[in-house]
């Protein structure tokens, strides 16, 4: 394992100290966990964007009307919310 140092704002350092005390973990463990989770999340987001770009380049896109129909069918939007969104778009 490699040692790395970093500068933390005082407020963040105090929060890490408090968390270490509350959990019985050392600061190194907590910071390693936090960085690992952050890196995993960022890598996942990049992979999803790349997958979306690849998909957009290689597969036909869904028509807007088909997408709206799917959202309505799944209950993710309501007809009333669509009417309101269209009204706001028309005003802008």
C-alpha atoms as a PDB file:
ATOM      1  CA  UNK A   1       0.000   0.000   0.000  1.00  0.00           C
ATOM      2  CA  UNK A   2       1.259   3.498  -0.849  1.00  0.00           C
ATOM      3  CA  UNK A   3       1.139   6.453   1.505  1.00  0.00           C
ATOM      4  CA  UNK A   4      -0.464   9.624   0.172  1.00  0.00           C
ATOM      5  CA  UNK A   5      -1.034  12.880   1.971  1.00  0.00           C
ATOM      6  CA  UNK A   6      -3.707  15.455   1.356  1.00  0.00           C
ATOM      7  CA  UNK A   7      -4.806  18.743   2.811  1.00  0.00           C
ATOM      8  CA  UNK A   8      -8.309  18.912   4.253  1.00  0.00           C
ATOM      9  CA  UNK A   9     -10.243  21.999   5.231  1.00  0.00           C
ATOM     10  CA  UNK A  10     -10.395  22.217   9.036  1.00  0.00           C
ATOM     11  CA  UNK A  11     -14.156  21.660   9.095  1.00  0.00           C
ATOM     12  CA  UNK A  12     -13.870  18.466   7.028  1.00  0.00           C
ATOM     13  CA  UNK A  13     -10.979  17.198   9.154  1.00  0.00           C
ATOM     14  CA  UNK A  14     -13.083  17.744  12.273  1.00  0.00           C
ATOM     15  CA  UNK A  15     -15.965  15.814  10.710  1.00  0.00           C
ATOM     16  CA  UNK A  16     -13.638  12.937   9.812  1.00  0.00           C
ATOM     17  CA  UNK A  17     -12.245  12.956  13.349  1.00  0.00           C
ATOM     18  CA  UNK A  18     -15.757  12.841  14.816  1.00  0.00           C
ATOM     19  CA  UNK A  19     -16.792  10.032  12.493  1.00  0.00           C
ATOM     20  CA  UNK A  20     -13.683   8.034  13.347  1.00  0.00           C
ATOM     21  CA  UNK A  21     -14.426   8.402  17.029  1.00  0.00           C
ATOM     22  CA  UNK A  22     -18.110   7.509  16.615  1.00  0.00           C
ATOM     23  CA  UNK A  23     -17.433   4.429  14.488  1.00  0.00           C
ATOM     24  CA  UNK A  24     -14.255   3.207  16.153  1.00  0.00           C
ATOM     25  CA  UNK A  25     -12.505   3.298  12.768  1.00  0.00           C
ATOM     26  CA  UNK A  26      -9.261   5.092  12.090  1.00  0.00           C
ATOM     27  CA  UNK A  27      -9.138   8.130   9.818  1.00  0.00           C
ATOM     28  CA  UNK A  28      -7.089   6.300   7.210  1.00  0.00           C
ATOM     29  CA  UNK A  29      -9.785   3.644   6.847  1.00  0.00           C
ATOM     30  CA  UNK A  30     -12.552   6.249   6.529  1.00  0.00           C
ATOM     31  CA  UNK A  31     -10.705   8.322   3.958  1.00  0.00           C
ATOM     32  CA  UNK A  32      -9.752   5.241   1.943  1.00  0.00           C
ATOM     33  CA  UNK A  33     -13.409   4.125   1.938  1.00  0.00           C
ATOM     34  CA  UNK A  34     -14.616   7.583   0.914  1.00  0.00           C
ATOM     35  CA  UNK A  35     -12.110   7.881  -1.928  1.00  0.00           C
ATOM     36  CA  UNK A  36     -12.837   4.336  -3.105  1.00  0.00           C
ATOM     37  CA  UNK A  37     -16.578   4.996  -3.217  1.00  0.00           C
ATOM     38  CA  UNK A  38     -16.033   8.280  -5.044  1.00  0.00           C
ATOM     39  CA  UNK A  39     -13.764   6.670  -7.645  1.00  0.00           C
ATOM     40  CA  UNK A  40     -16.222   3.793  -8.145  1.00  0.00           C
ATOM     41  CA  UNK A  41     -19.127   6.221  -8.612  1.00  0.00           C
ATOM     42  CA  UNK A  42     -17.218   8.415 -11.064  1.00  0.00           C
ATOM     43  CA  UNK A  43     -16.057   5.374 -13.053  1.00  0.00           C
ATOM     44  CA  UNK A  44     -19.651   4.100 -13.204  1.00  0.00           C
ATOM     45  CA  UNK A  45     -20.902   7.483 -14.430  1.00  0.00           C
ATOM     46  CA  UNK A  46     -18.224   7.652 -17.112  1.00  0.00           C
ATOM     47  CA  UNK A  47     -19.064   4.112 -18.241  1.00  0.00           C
ATOM     48  CA  UNK A  48     -22.777   5.000 -18.440  1.00  0.00           C
ATOM     49  CA  UNK A  49     -22.060   8.139 -20.495  1.00  0.00           C
ATOM     50  CA  UNK A  50     -19.800   6.180 -22.837  1.00  0.00           C
ATOM     51  CA  UNK A  51     -22.455   3.473 -23.159  1.00  0.00           C
ATOM     52  CA  UNK A  52     -25.068   6.121 -23.938  1.00  0.00           C
ATOM     53  CA  UNK A  53     -22.869   7.739 -26.563  1.00  0.00           C
ATOM     54  CA  UNK A  54     -22.164   4.364 -28.161  1.00  0.00           C
ATOM     55  CA  UNK A  55     -25.851   3.494 -28.086  1.00  0.00           C
ATOM     56  CA  UNK A  56     -26.805   6.839 -29.661  1.00  0.00           C
ATOM     57  CA  UNK A  57     -24.255   6.300 -32.417  1.00  0.00           C
ATOM     58  CA  UNK A  58     -25.240   2.712 -33.215  1.00  0.00           C
ATOM     59  CA  UNK A  59     -28.943   2.346 -32.406  1.00  0.00           C
ATOM     60  CA  UNK A  60     -31.997   4.232 -33.608  1.00  0.00           C
ATOM     61  CA  UNK A  61     -33.181   6.875 -31.181  1.00  0.00           C
ATOM     62  CA  UNK A  62     -36.610   6.708 -29.586  1.00  0.00           C
ATOM     63  CA  UNK A  63     -39.096   9.180 -30.987  1.00  0.00           C
ATOM     64  CA  UNK A  64     -40.264  11.808 -28.494  1.00  0.00           C
ATOM     65  CA  UNK A  65     -43.895  10.711 -28.766  1.00  0.00           C
ATOM     66  CA  UNK A  66     -42.933   7.088 -28.047  1.00  0.00           C
ATOM     67  CA  UNK A  67     -40.894   8.185 -25.042  1.00  0.00           C
ATOM     68  CA  UNK A  68     -43.776  10.273 -23.670  1.00  0.00           C
ATOM     69  CA  UNK A  69     -46.167   7.351 -24.174  1.00  0.00           C
ATOM     70  CA  UNK A  70     -43.785   5.058 -22.254  1.00  0.00           C
ATOM     71  CA  UNK A  71     -43.462   7.565 -19.407  1.00  0.00           C
ATOM     72  CA  UNK A  72     -47.229   7.914 -19.168  1.00  0.00           C
ATOM     73  CA  UNK A  73     -47.759   4.147 -19.281  1.00  0.00           C
ATOM     74  CA  UNK A  74     -45.219   3.608 -16.470  1.00  0.00           C
ATOM     75  CA  UNK A  75     -46.785   6.364 -14.391  1.00  0.00           C
ATOM     76  CA  UNK A  76     -43.577   8.393 -14.294  1.00  0.00           C
ATOM     77  CA  UNK A  77     -45.399  11.471 -15.595  1.00  0.00           C
ATOM     78  CA  UNK A  78     -49.034  12.518 -15.713  1.00  0.00           C
ATOM     79  CA  UNK A  79     -50.986  14.111 -18.519  1.00  0.00           C
ATOM     80  CA  UNK A  80     -51.388  17.204 -16.349  1.00  0.00           C
ATOM     81  CA  UNK A  81     -47.624  17.514 -15.836  1.00  0.00           C
ATOM     82  CA  UNK A  82     -47.082  17.234 -19.600  1.00  0.00           C
ATOM     83  CA  UNK A  83     -49.615  19.971 -20.273  1.00  0.00           C
ATOM     84  CA  UNK A  84     -47.904  22.207 -17.697  1.00  0.00           C
ATOM     85  CA  UNK A  85     -44.446  21.496 -19.160  1.00  0.00           C
ATOM     86  CA  UNK A  86     -45.661  22.316 -22.677  1.00  0.00           C
ATOM     87  CA  UNK A  87     -47.249  25.546 -21.415  1.00  0.00           C
ATOM     88  CA  UNK A  88     -43.981  26.605 -19.759  1.00  0.00           C
ATOM     89  CA  UNK A  89     -42.006  25.818 -22.881  1.00  0.00           C
ATOM     90  CA  UNK A  90     -44.381  27.887 -24.982  1.00  0.00           C
ATOM     91  CA  UNK A  91     -43.953  30.846 -22.600  1.00  0.00           C
ATOM     92  CA  UNK A  92     -40.165  30.779 -22.719  1.00  0.00           C
END
